[in-house]
Amino acid sequence: MTAFKNVGFIGVGLMGHGMAKNLLEKGHSLTILGHRNRPPVEDLVARGAVEVVSPADVARNSEIVFLCVPSSQQVEALVEGDKGILSAAREGLVVVDTSTADPDSTLRLAARLAAKGVRMVDAPLTRTPKQAEEGRLNVMVGADDALFAEIKPVIECFAENVAHVGPLGAGHKIKLINNFIALGSASVIAEAVTAAVKVGVDLEKLFDLVSKGGANSNIFQMVMPWVLQGDISNMQFAIRNAAKDLRYYSRMVQDAKLSTPVSPAVLGAFTLAEALGEGDAFVPRLCDVIAGINQVDVHKR
C-alpha cells in the first residue's frame, strides 16, 4: 500500500478501466466519475469503487486523482469547468494527467492548481488496453524528483515500467514525439502496402521480408495483421485521437521554430482519413484509406 490510500479516477474507458481495476486490486479506495459508457463503470462499482457525479466530488473524496481522457479540451473542462476539480481543490491534492495532451495547456492548468496548493503531474501512457487490464502499461512521468518518488508506488499498481522523464510537461512532450514516430511509421506502412499491391508485390512475401530485416518494427507487426488477416485488435487507437496527437505535436514543434518537412504529410494522411469518415476507426484502417484513394484493395487475395 502506498501513502495515497484514497484514489480518484476520471475516464474509465478502454485504458482507464484496467488502470482503475488494478488500483482497486492493490488495495486502494477508489472514487470514479460515471459516464455514458456504463459497463466499465458498473464493473468497477461491483468491485468496490464509489461512483460520483462530478469532478469536484472526485476531488473531495481523494488524495490523488488520475485523469485518462482523450484530449486537453476534456482535461481543461474537468479541471476548470462547472463543478470541476479546481472548485473543490484543497492543499495537498495531487492531479495526475495520463492523457496525451498539449504541454502548454498542462503547464497553464498546473499554475492554476498550484495557487490552491494542488500539485499536477503529467504521466501519459503507452501500450494497449489489454496491458492496462494486466497492469503492464508503460508510463512517462513529468514531475520534480520528490513528487515522482511519492507517486511512483501508486502508478506501479497499473504499470510495468515507470520512467521519470523530466519536470512537469516533459511527459506530454516526450509522448507527442513518441506518437509522431509511431503514427509516422503507420502512415508509411499504409502507403507501402498500397504500392505493393499496385505494382504486383505479394503482401505475405513483403511481410516476411520486412519482419526479418531492419525495416521491421512493433508498429509494422501491429498494423499488418489487419491487412493480412483482417485482425485489427493489435492497435486499438482511434484515427481521430491519432490526428489530435499529431496536431499537438505540430503546434509544439512550430512553437519551437523547427523546420519539419515530414510531420505535415503524416498529419495530412490522418486528416484525410477523418474527412472520409474513418475518425472512429482504429489506426490500421489508414491502410484502407490510402488504398481506396488509389483504387486498390489491399485485402483482396
C-alpha atoms as a PDB file:
ATOM      1  CA  MET A   1       0.000   0.000   0.000  1.00  0.00           C
ATOM      2  CA  THR A   2       1.206   3.472  -0.864  1.00  0.00           C
ATOM      3  CA  ALA A   3       0.879   6.737   1.034  1.00  0.00           C
ATOM      4  CA  PHE A   4      -2.139   7.620  -1.139  1.00  0.00           C
ATOM      5  CA  LYS A   5      -4.963   5.450   0.208  1.00  0.00           C
ATOM      6  CA  ASN A   6      -7.876   7.350  -1.383  1.00  0.00           C
ATOM      7  CA  VAL A   7      -7.606   7.495  -5.174  1.00  0.00           C
ATOM      8  CA  GLY A   8      -9.896   9.193  -7.681  1.00  0.00           C
ATOM      9  CA  PHE A   9     -10.184   8.219 -11.340  1.00  0.00           C
ATOM     10  CA  ILE A  10     -11.852  10.068 -14.200  1.00  0.00           C
ATOM     11  CA  GLY A  11     -12.037   8.351 -17.591  1.00  0.00           C
ATOM     12  CA  VAL A  12     -12.610   4.624 -17.040  1.00  0.00           C
ATOM     13  CA  GLY A  13     -12.765   3.749 -20.732  1.00  0.00           C
ATOM     14  CA  LEU A  14     -10.581   1.450 -22.837  1.00  0.00           C
ATOM     15  CA  MET A  15      -7.371   2.237 -20.947  1.00  0.00           C
ATOM     16  CA  GLY A  16      -8.802   3.659 -17.753  1.00  0.00           C
ATOM     17  CA  HIS A  17     -10.872   0.646 -16.751  1.00  0.00           C
ATOM     18  CA  GLY A  18      -7.819  -1.596 -16.465  1.00  0.00           C
ATOM     19  CA  MET A  19      -5.840   1.054 -14.616  1.00  0.00           C
ATOM     20  CA  ALA A  20      -8.663   1.660 -12.139  1.00  0.00           C
ATOM     21  CA  LYS A  21      -9.263  -2.077 -11.670  1.00  0.00           C
ATOM     22  CA  ASN A  22      -5.618  -2.609 -10.757  1.00  0.00           C
ATOM     23  CA  LEU A  23      -5.703   0.258  -8.256  1.00  0.00           C
ATOM     24  CA  LEU A  24      -8.657  -1.440  -6.550  1.00  0.00           C
ATOM     25  CA  GLU A  25      -6.955  -4.818  -6.588  1.00  0.00           C
ATOM     26  CA  LYS A  26      -3.863  -3.334  -4.947  1.00  0.00           C
ATOM     27  CA  GLY A  27      -6.000  -2.195  -2.003  1.00  0.00           C
ATOM     28  CA  HIS A  28      -6.789   1.434  -2.783  1.00  0.00           C
ATOM     29  CA  SER A  29     -10.104   3.077  -2.028  1.00  0.00           C
ATOM     30  CA  LEU A  30     -11.393   4.282  -5.409  1.00  0.00           C
ATOM     31  CA  THR A  31     -13.815   7.055  -6.398  1.00  0.00           C
ATOM     32  CA  ILE A  32     -14.784   7.199 -10.082  1.00  0.00           C
ATOM     33  CA  LEU A  33     -16.718   9.645 -12.219  1.00  0.00           C
ATOM     34  CA  GLY A  34     -19.586   7.941 -14.008  1.00  0.00           C
ATOM     35  CA  HIS A  35     -20.199   8.384 -17.734  1.00  0.00           C
ATOM     36  CA  ARG A  36     -22.497   7.142 -20.500  1.00  0.00           C
ATOM     37  CA  ASN A  37     -20.466   4.002 -21.199  1.00  0.00           C
ATOM     38  CA  ARG A  38     -21.932   2.078 -18.294  1.00  0.00           C
ATOM     39  CA  PRO A  39     -20.346  -1.421 -18.395  1.00  0.00           C
ATOM     40  CA  PRO A  40     -16.843  -0.390 -17.181  1.00  0.00           C
ATOM     41  CA  VAL A  41     -18.350   1.884 -14.516  1.00  0.00           C
ATOM     42  CA  GLU A  42     -20.681  -0.823 -13.262  1.00  0.00           C
ATOM     43  CA  ASP A  43     -17.873  -3.388 -13.234  1.00  0.00           C
ATOM     44  CA  LEU A  44     -15.710  -1.136 -11.071  1.00  0.00           C
ATOM     45  CA  VAL A  45     -18.594  -0.363  -8.707  1.00  0.00           C
ATOM     46  CA  ALA A  46     -19.173  -4.109  -8.338  1.00  0.00           C
ATOM     47  CA  ARG A  47     -15.504  -4.412  -7.367  1.00  0.00           C
ATOM     48  CA  GLY A  48     -15.889  -1.771  -4.649  1.00  0.00           C
ATOM     49  CA  ALA A  49     -15.458   1.615  -6.340  1.00  0.00           C
ATOM     50  CA  VAL A  50     -17.700   4.554  -5.411  1.00  0.00           C
ATOM     51  CA  GLU A  51     -19.349   6.353  -8.325  1.00  0.00           C
ATOM     52  CA  VAL A  52     -19.931  10.122  -8.102  1.00  0.00           C
ATOM     53  CA  VAL A  53     -21.466  12.654 -10.465  1.00  0.00           C
ATOM     54  CA  SER A  54     -18.905  15.479 -10.762  1.00  0.00           C
ATOM     55  CA  PRO A  55     -15.139  16.026 -10.927  1.00  0.00           C
ATOM     56  CA  ALA A  56     -15.476  18.134  -7.761  1.00  0.00           C
ATOM     57  CA  ASP A  57     -16.901  15.094  -5.928  1.00  0.00           C
ATOM     58  CA  VAL A  58     -13.941  13.002  -7.098  1.00  0.00           C
ATOM     59  CA  ALA A  59     -11.527  15.648  -5.784  1.00  0.00           C
ATOM     60  CA  ARG A  60     -13.299  15.848  -2.405  1.00  0.00           C
ATOM     61  CA  ASN A  61     -13.023  12.085  -1.878  1.00  0.00           C
ATOM     62  CA  SER A  62      -9.403  11.702  -2.996  1.00  0.00           C
ATOM     63  CA  GLU A  63      -5.792  12.378  -2.126  1.00  0.00           C
ATOM     64  CA  ILE A  64      -4.686  11.746  -5.698  1.00  0.00           C
ATOM     65  CA  VAL A  65      -6.822  11.972  -8.869  1.00  0.00           C
ATOM     66  CA  PHE A  66      -5.973  10.311 -12.187  1.00  0.00           C
ATOM     67  CA  LEU A  67      -7.326  11.687 -15.461  1.00  0.00           C
ATOM     68  CA  CYS A  68      -7.470   9.425 -18.532  1.00  0.00           C
ATOM     69  CA  VAL A  69      -9.412  11.254 -21.254  1.00  0.00           C
ATOM     70  CA  PRO A  70      -8.853  11.863 -24.982  1.00  0.00           C
ATOM     71  CA  SER A  71      -7.607  15.461 -25.140  1.00  0.00           C
ATOM     72  CA  SER A  72      -6.612  18.689 -23.413  1.00  0.00           C
ATOM     73  CA  GLN A  73     -10.075  20.045 -24.127  1.00  0.00           C
ATOM     74  CA  GLN A  74     -11.582  17.427 -21.810  1.00  0.00           C
ATOM     75  CA  VAL A  75      -8.837  17.870 -19.212  1.00  0.00           C
ATOM     76  CA  GLU A  76      -9.467  21.621 -19.126  1.00  0.00           C
ATOM     77  CA  ALA A  77     -13.203  21.058 -18.696  1.00  0.00           C
ATOM     78  CA  LEU A  78     -12.637  18.589 -15.860  1.00  0.00           C
ATOM     79  CA  VAL A  79     -10.303  20.965 -14.024  1.00  0.00           C
ATOM     80  CA  GLU A  80     -11.806  24.384 -14.768  1.00  0.00           C
ATOM     81  CA  GLY A  81     -15.430  23.656 -15.680  1.00  0.00           C
ATOM     82  CA  ASP A  82     -18.584  23.870 -13.626  1.00  0.00           C
ATOM     83  CA  LYS A  83     -18.154  21.574 -10.602  1.00  0.00           C
ATOM     84  CA  GLY A  84     -14.602  20.920 -11.788  1.00  0.00           C
ATOM     85  CA  ILE A  85     -11.621  19.787  -9.765  1.00  0.00           C
ATOM     86  CA  LEU A  86     -10.498  23.378  -9.207  1.00  0.00           C
ATOM     87  CA  SER A  87     -13.758  24.234  -7.435  1.00  0.00           C
ATOM     88  CA  ALA A  88     -13.147  21.590  -4.753  1.00  0.00           C
ATOM     89  CA  ALA A  89      -9.349  21.547  -4.743  1.00  0.00           C
ATOM     90  CA  ARG A  90      -7.628  21.588  -1.389  1.00  0.00           C
ATOM     91  CA  GLU A  91      -3.998  21.809  -0.382  1.00  0.00           C
ATOM     92  CA  GLY A  92      -2.136  18.538  -0.728  1.00  0.00           C
ATOM     93  CA  LEU A  93      -4.217  17.051  -3.558  1.00  0.00           C
ATOM     94  CA  VAL A  94      -2.252  15.611  -6.487  1.00  0.00           C
ATOM     95  CA  VAL A  95      -3.714  15.551 -10.021  1.00  0.00           C
ATOM     96  CA  VAL A  96      -2.102  13.114 -12.476  1.00  0.00           C
ATOM     97  CA  ASP A  97      -2.997  13.582 -16.142  1.00  0.00           C
ATOM     98  CA  THR A  98      -2.364  10.351 -18.051  1.00  0.00           C
ATOM     99  CA  SER A  99      -3.942  11.721 -21.241  1.00  0.00           C
ATOM    100  CA  THR A 100      -1.934  12.602 -24.327  1.00  0.00           C
ATOM    101  CA  ALA A 101      -2.249  16.366 -24.008  1.00  0.00           C
ATOM    102  CA  ASP A 102      -0.967  19.761 -25.143  1.00  0.00           C
ATOM    103  CA  PRO A 103       2.061  20.604 -22.939  1.00  0.00           C
ATOM    104  CA  ASP A 104       1.172  24.325 -22.915  1.00  0.00           C
ATOM    105  CA  SER A 105      -2.277  23.510 -21.545  1.00  0.00           C
ATOM    106  CA  THR A 106      -0.712  21.239 -18.926  1.00  0.00           C
ATOM    107  CA  LEU A 107       1.586  23.983 -17.647  1.00  0.00           C
ATOM    108  CA  ARG A 108      -1.239  26.527 -17.565  1.00  0.00           C
ATOM    109  CA  LEU A 109      -3.547  24.226 -15.593  1.00  0.00           C
ATOM    110  CA  ALA A 110      -0.721  23.327 -13.213  1.00  0.00           C
ATOM    111  CA  ALA A 111      -0.202  27.009 -12.392  1.00  0.00           C
ATOM    112  CA  ARG A 112      -3.904  27.447 -11.593  1.00  0.00           C
ATOM    113  CA  LEU A 113      -3.936  24.344  -9.398  1.00  0.00           C
ATOM    114  CA  ALA A 114      -0.714  25.363  -7.647  1.00  0.00           C
ATOM    115  CA  ALA A 115      -2.416  28.559  -6.480  1.00  0.00           C
ATOM    116  CA  LYS A 116      -4.653  26.291  -4.374  1.00  0.00           C
ATOM    117  CA  GLY A 117      -1.822  24.114  -3.124  1.00  0.00           C
ATOM    118  CA  VAL A 118      -2.540  21.314  -5.614  1.00  0.00           C
ATOM    119  CA  ARG A 119       0.324  19.602  -7.425  1.00  0.00           C
ATOM    120  CA  MET A 120      -0.079  18.398 -11.016  1.00  0.00           C
ATOM    121  CA  VAL A 121       1.811  15.640 -12.816  1.00  0.00           C
ATOM    122  CA  ASP A 122       1.787  14.643 -16.485  1.00  0.00           C
ATOM    123  CA  ALA A 123       2.065  10.879 -16.872  1.00  0.00           C
ATOM    124  CA  PRO A 124       0.969   9.727 -20.352  1.00  0.00           C
ATOM    125  CA  LEU A 125       0.853   6.053 -21.290  1.00  0.00           C
ATOM    126  CA  THR A 126       1.997   3.605 -23.924  1.00  0.00           C
ATOM    127  CA  ARG A 127       0.890   0.039 -24.686  1.00  0.00           C
ATOM    128  CA  THR A 128      -2.664  -1.227 -25.101  1.00  0.00           C
ATOM    129  CA  PRO A 129      -5.961  -1.714 -23.227  1.00  0.00           C
ATOM    130  CA  LYS A 130      -5.048  -5.405 -22.838  1.00  0.00           C
ATOM    131  CA  GLN A 131      -1.870  -4.446 -20.993  1.00  0.00           C
ATOM    132  CA  ALA A 132      -3.812  -1.895 -18.941  1.00  0.00           C
ATOM    133  CA  GLU A 133      -6.021  -4.750 -17.723  1.00  0.00           C
ATOM    134  CA  GLU A 134      -2.885  -6.773 -16.939  1.00  0.00           C
ATOM    135  CA  GLY A 135      -1.271  -3.881 -15.019  1.00  0.00           C
ATOM    136  CA  ARG A 136       1.605  -3.734 -17.526  1.00  0.00           C
ATOM    137  CA  LEU A 137       1.481  -0.237 -19.020  1.00  0.00           C
ATOM    138  CA  ASN A 138       4.471   1.995 -19.684  1.00  0.00           C
ATOM    139  CA  VAL A 139       4.204   5.438 -18.052  1.00  0.00           C
ATOM    140  CA  MET A 140       6.391   8.505 -18.665  1.00  0.00           C
ATOM    141  CA  VAL A 141       6.215  10.957 -15.784  1.00  0.00           C
ATOM    142  CA  GLY A 142       6.844  14.696 -15.724  1.00  0.00           C
ATOM    143  CA  ALA A 143       7.369  15.846 -12.117  1.00  0.00           C
ATOM    144  CA  ASP A 144      10.068  17.014  -9.741  1.00  0.00           C
ATOM    145  CA  ASP A 145      12.144  14.342  -8.019  1.00  0.00           C
ATOM    146  CA  ALA A 146      10.321  14.439  -4.689  1.00  0.00           C
ATOM    147  CA  LEU A 147       6.836  14.231  -6.182  1.00  0.00           C
ATOM    148  CA  PHE A 148       7.878  11.444  -8.535  1.00  0.00           C
ATOM    149  CA  ALA A 149       9.097   9.410  -5.561  1.00  0.00           C
ATOM    150  CA  GLU A 150       5.753   9.968  -3.806  1.00  0.00           C
ATOM    151  CA  ILE A 151       3.509   8.900  -6.667  1.00  0.00           C
ATOM    152  CA  LYS A 152       5.584   6.135  -8.257  1.00  0.00           C
ATOM    153  CA  PRO A 153       4.221   3.381  -5.965  1.00  0.00           C
ATOM    154  CA  VAL A 154       0.650   4.303  -6.962  1.00  0.00           C
ATOM    155  CA  ILE A 155       1.452   4.291 -10.681  1.00  0.00           C
ATOM    156  CA  GLU A 156       3.189   0.928 -10.301  1.00  0.00           C
ATOM    157  CA  CYS A 157      -0.208  -0.562  -9.439  1.00  0.00           C
ATOM    158  CA  PHE A 158      -1.066  -0.463 -13.161  1.00  0.00           C
ATOM    159  CA  ALA A 159       2.358  -0.043 -14.815  1.00  0.00           C
ATOM    160  CA  GLU A 160       5.237  -2.384 -15.577  1.00  0.00           C
ATOM    161  CA  ASN A 161       7.663   0.410 -16.485  1.00  0.00           C
ATOM    162  CA  VAL A 162       7.591   3.883 -14.907  1.00  0.00           C
ATOM    163  CA  ALA A 163      10.062   6.402 -16.368  1.00  0.00           C
ATOM    164  CA  HIS A 164      10.836   9.779 -14.828  1.00  0.00           C
ATOM    165  CA  VAL A 165      11.422  11.806 -17.986  1.00  0.00           C
ATOM    166  CA  GLY A 166      11.868  15.306 -16.518  1.00  0.00           C
ATOM    167  CA  PRO A 167       9.950  18.149 -14.878  1.00  0.00           C
ATOM    168  CA  LEU A 168       6.248  18.905 -15.322  1.00  0.00           C
ATOM    169  CA  GLY A 169       5.410  18.996 -19.034  1.00  0.00           C
ATOM    170  CA  ALA A 170       8.186  16.622 -20.069  1.00  0.00           C
ATOM    171  CA  GLY A 171       5.843  13.636 -20.034  1.00  0.00           C
ATOM    172  CA  HIS A 172       3.453  15.133 -22.557  1.00  0.00           C
ATOM    173  CA  LYS A 173       6.280  16.406 -24.743  1.00  0.00           C
ATOM    174  CA  ILE A 174       8.018  13.050 -24.980  1.00  0.00           C
ATOM    175  CA  LYS A 175       4.692  11.255 -25.554  1.00  0.00           C
ATOM    176  CA  LEU A 176       3.900  13.502 -28.528  1.00  0.00           C
ATOM    177  CA  ILE A 177       7.314  12.749 -30.026  1.00  0.00           C
ATOM    178  CA  ASN A 178       6.805   9.031 -29.386  1.00  0.00           C
ATOM    179  CA  ASN A 179       3.401   9.127 -31.071  1.00  0.00           C
ATOM    180  CA  PHE A 180       4.751  11.049 -34.042  1.00  0.00           C
ATOM    181  CA  ILE A 181       7.290   8.256 -34.589  1.00  0.00           C
ATOM    182  CA  ALA A 182       4.615   5.550 -34.226  1.00  0.00           C
ATOM    183  CA  LEU A 183       1.992   7.268 -36.380  1.00  0.00           C
ATOM    184  CA  GLY A 184       4.569   8.297 -38.958  1.00  0.00           C
ATOM    185  CA  SER A 185       5.510   4.628 -39.246  1.00  0.00           C
ATOM    186  CA  ALA A 186       1.840   3.645 -39.622  1.00  0.00           C
ATOM    187  CA  SER A 187       1.356   6.147 -42.448  1.00  0.00           C
ATOM    188  CA  VAL A 188       4.460   4.857 -44.259  1.00  0.00           C
ATOM    189  CA  ILE A 189       3.205   1.278 -43.913  1.00  0.00           C
ATOM    190  CA  ALA A 190      -0.229   2.281 -45.261  1.00  0.00           C
ATOM    191  CA  GLU A 191       1.355   3.778 -48.378  1.00  0.00           C
ATOM    192  CA  ALA A 192       3.789   0.892 -48.766  1.00  0.00           C
ATOM    193  CA  VAL A 193       1.122  -1.835 -48.792  1.00  0.00           C
ATOM    194  CA  THR A 194      -0.867   0.131 -51.377  1.00  0.00           C
ATOM    195  CA  ALA A 195       2.254   0.430 -53.518  1.00  0.00           C
ATOM    196  CA  ALA A 196       2.968  -3.283 -53.121  1.00  0.00           C
ATOM    197  CA  VAL A 197      -0.475  -4.298 -54.352  1.00  0.00           C
ATOM    198  CA  LYS A 198      -0.417  -1.783 -57.206  1.00  0.00           C
ATOM    199  CA  VAL A 199       2.937  -2.958 -58.581  1.00  0.00           C
ATOM    200  CA  GLY A 200       2.207  -6.650 -58.044  1.00  0.00           C
ATOM    201  CA  VAL A 201       4.245  -7.463 -54.912  1.00  0.00           C
ATOM    202  CA  ASP A 202       2.758 -10.255 -52.770  1.00  0.00           C
ATOM    203  CA  LEU A 203       1.897  -8.838 -49.325  1.00  0.00           C
ATOM    204  CA  GLU A 204       2.717 -12.076 -47.493  1.00  0.00           C
ATOM    205  CA  LYS A 205       6.191 -12.035 -49.043  1.00  0.00           C
ATOM    206  CA  LEU A 206       6.583  -8.346 -48.158  1.00  0.00           C
ATOM    207  CA  PHE A 207       5.592  -9.106 -44.580  1.00  0.00           C
ATOM    208  CA  ASP A 208       8.062 -11.977 -44.344  1.00  0.00           C
ATOM    209  CA  LEU A 209      10.909  -9.890 -45.797  1.00  0.00           C
ATOM    210  CA  VAL A 210      10.322  -6.819 -43.605  1.00  0.00           C
ATOM    211  CA  SER A 211       9.851  -8.936 -40.476  1.00  0.00           C
ATOM    212  CA  LYS A 212      13.384 -10.307 -40.903  1.00  0.00           C
ATOM    213  CA  GLY A 213      15.133  -7.015 -41.631  1.00  0.00           C
ATOM    214  CA  GLY A 214      15.940  -3.524 -40.474  1.00  0.00           C
ATOM    215  CA  ALA A 215      12.600  -2.067 -41.592  1.00  0.00           C
ATOM    216  CA  ASN A 216      10.736  -4.209 -39.076  1.00  0.00           C
ATOM    217  CA  SER A 217       9.080  -2.522 -36.083  1.00  0.00           C
ATOM    218  CA  ASN A 218       6.433  -3.090 -33.441  1.00  0.00           C
ATOM    219  CA  ILE A 219       4.138  -0.810 -35.437  1.00  0.00           C
ATOM    220  CA  PHE A 220       4.623  -2.919 -38.571  1.00  0.00           C
ATOM    221  CA  GLN A 221       3.722  -6.020 -36.569  1.00  0.00           C
ATOM    222  CA  MET A 222       0.639  -4.256 -35.154  1.00  0.00           C
ATOM    223  CA  VAL A 223      -0.666  -2.899 -38.474  1.00  0.00           C
ATOM    224  CA  MET A 224      -0.047  -5.819 -40.831  1.00  0.00           C
ATOM    225  CA  PRO A 225      -2.392  -8.352 -39.153  1.00  0.00           C
ATOM    226  CA  TRP A 226      -5.261  -6.087 -40.279  1.00  0.00           C
ATOM    227  CA  VAL A 227      -4.065  -6.183 -43.876  1.00  0.00           C
ATOM    228  CA  LEU A 228      -3.246  -9.892 -43.939  1.00  0.00           C
ATOM    229  CA  GLN A 229      -5.872 -11.472 -41.663  1.00  0.00           C
ATOM    230  CA  GLY A 230      -8.427  -8.737 -41.001  1.00  0.00           C
ATOM    231  CA  ASP A 231      -7.329  -8.617 -37.344  1.00  0.00           C
ATOM    232  CA  ILE A 232      -7.396  -5.043 -36.034  1.00  0.00           C
ATOM    233  CA  SER A 233      -7.088  -5.908 -32.335  1.00  0.00           C
ATOM    234  CA  ASN A 234      -3.351  -5.218 -32.124  1.00  0.00           C
ATOM    235  CA  MET A 235      -3.648  -1.428 -32.412  1.00  0.00           C
ATOM    236  CA  GLN A 236      -6.836  -0.201 -30.765  1.00  0.00           C
ATOM    237  CA  PHE A 237      -6.177   3.513 -31.173  1.00  0.00           C
ATOM    238  CA  ALA A 238      -8.685   5.691 -32.995  1.00  0.00           C
ATOM    239  CA  ILE A 239      -7.679   7.666 -36.075  1.00  0.00           C
ATOM    240  CA  ARG A 240      -9.399  10.715 -34.550  1.00  0.00           C
ATOM    241  CA  ASN A 241      -7.148  10.564 -31.475  1.00  0.00           C
ATOM    242  CA  ALA A 242      -4.097   9.972 -33.654  1.00  0.00           C
ATOM    243  CA  ALA A 243      -4.862  13.128 -35.644  1.00  0.00           C
ATOM    244  CA  LYS A 244      -5.349  15.063 -32.407  1.00  0.00           C
ATOM    245  CA  ASP A 245      -1.948  13.951 -31.122  1.00  0.00           C
ATOM    246  CA  LEU A 246      -0.307  14.927 -34.399  1.00  0.00           C
ATOM    247  CA  ARG A 247      -1.889  18.388 -34.191  1.00  0.00           C
ATOM    248  CA  TYR A 248      -0.485  18.836 -30.686  1.00  0.00           C
ATOM    249  CA  TYR A 249       2.923  17.694 -31.954  1.00  0.00           C
ATOM    250  CA  SER A 250       2.750  20.129 -34.883  1.00  0.00           C
ATOM    251  CA  ARG A 251       1.877  23.019 -32.563  1.00  0.00           C
ATOM    252  CA  MET A 252       4.727  22.104 -30.224  1.00  0.00           C
ATOM    253  CA  VAL A 253       7.375  21.999 -32.960  1.00  0.00           C
ATOM    254  CA  GLN A 254       6.049  25.167 -34.589  1.00  0.00           C
ATOM    255  CA  ASP A 255       6.353  26.968 -31.253  1.00  0.00           C
ATOM    256  CA  ALA A 256       9.940  25.683 -31.107  1.00  0.00           C
ATOM    257  CA  LYS A 257      10.514  27.232 -34.579  1.00  0.00           C
ATOM    258  CA  LEU A 258      11.574  23.933 -36.125  1.00  0.00           C
ATOM    259  CA  SER A 259      11.583  23.058 -39.810  1.00  0.00           C
ATOM    260  CA  THR A 260       9.547  19.833 -40.009  1.00  0.00           C
ATOM    261  CA  PRO A 261       9.114  18.513 -43.557  1.00  0.00           C
ATOM    262  CA  VAL A 262       7.716  15.109 -42.542  1.00  0.00           C
ATOM    263  CA  SER A 263       5.028  15.831 -39.927  1.00  0.00           C
ATOM    264  CA  PRO A 264       2.679  17.809 -42.220  1.00  0.00           C
ATOM    265  CA  ALA A 265       2.469  14.811 -44.556  1.00  0.00           C
ATOM    266  CA  VAL A 266       1.749  12.428 -41.672  1.00  0.00           C
ATOM    267  CA  LEU A 267      -0.913  14.741 -40.249  1.00  0.00           C
ATOM    268  CA  GLY A 268      -2.359  15.113 -43.744  1.00  0.00           C
ATOM    269  CA  ALA A 269      -2.844  11.362 -44.072  1.00  0.00           C
ATOM    270  CA  PHE A 270      -4.757  11.116 -40.795  1.00  0.00           C
ATOM    271  CA  THR A 271      -6.767  14.272 -41.505  1.00  0.00           C
ATOM    272  CA  LEU A 272      -7.778  12.751 -44.839  1.00  0.00           C
ATOM    273  CA  ALA A 273      -8.945   9.600 -43.047  1.00  0.00           C
ATOM    274  CA  GLU A 274     -11.017  11.734 -40.659  1.00  0.00           C
ATOM    275  CA  ALA A 275     -12.545  13.651 -43.558  1.00  0.00           C
ATOM    276  CA  LEU A 276     -13.539  10.368 -45.199  1.00  0.00           C
ATOM    277  CA  GLY A 277     -15.465   9.313 -42.095  1.00  0.00           C
ATOM    278  CA  GLU A 278     -12.881   6.989 -40.555  1.00  0.00           C
ATOM    279  CA  GLY A 279     -12.225   9.020 -37.392  1.00  0.00           C
ATOM    280  CA  ASP A 280     -13.631   6.385 -35.040  1.00  0.00           C
ATOM    281  CA  ALA A 281     -11.835   3.521 -36.790  1.00  0.00           C
ATOM    282  CA  PHE A 282      -8.539   2.186 -35.459  1.00  0.00           C
ATOM    283  CA  VAL A 283      -5.221   3.282 -36.974  1.00  0.00           C
ATOM    284  CA  PRO A 284      -4.634   0.170 -39.183  1.00  0.00           C
ATOM    285  CA  ARG A 285      -7.663   1.294 -41.233  1.00  0.00           C
ATOM    286  CA  LEU A 286      -5.424   4.034 -42.618  1.00  0.00           C
ATOM    287  CA  CYS A 287      -4.207   1.294 -44.986  1.00  0.00           C
ATOM    288  CA  ASP A 288      -7.713   1.105 -46.477  1.00  0.00           C
ATOM    289  CA  VAL A 289      -7.948   4.892 -46.792  1.00  0.00           C
ATOM    290  CA  ILE A 290      -4.689   5.223 -48.736  1.00  0.00           C
ATOM    291  CA  ALA A 291      -5.572   2.170 -50.808  1.00  0.00           C
ATOM    292  CA  GLY A 292      -9.069   3.470 -51.510  1.00  0.00           C
ATOM    293  CA  ILE A 293      -7.990   6.812 -52.940  1.00  0.00           C
ATOM    294  CA  ASN A 294      -5.690   4.838 -55.247  1.00  0.00           C
ATOM    295  CA  GLN A 295      -8.468   2.391 -56.208  1.00  0.00           C
ATOM    296  CA  VAL A 296      -6.573  -0.513 -54.681  1.00  0.00           C
ATOM    297  CA  ASP A 297      -7.899  -3.292 -52.416  1.00  0.00           C
ATOM    298  CA  VAL A 298      -5.171  -4.357 -50.005  1.00  0.00           C
ATOM    299  CA  HIS A 299      -7.333  -7.182 -48.610  1.00  0.00           C
ATOM    300  CA  LYS A 300      -8.129  -8.933 -51.891  1.00  0.00           C
ATOM    301  CA  ARG A 301      -6.123 -12.112 -52.395  1.00  0.00           C
END
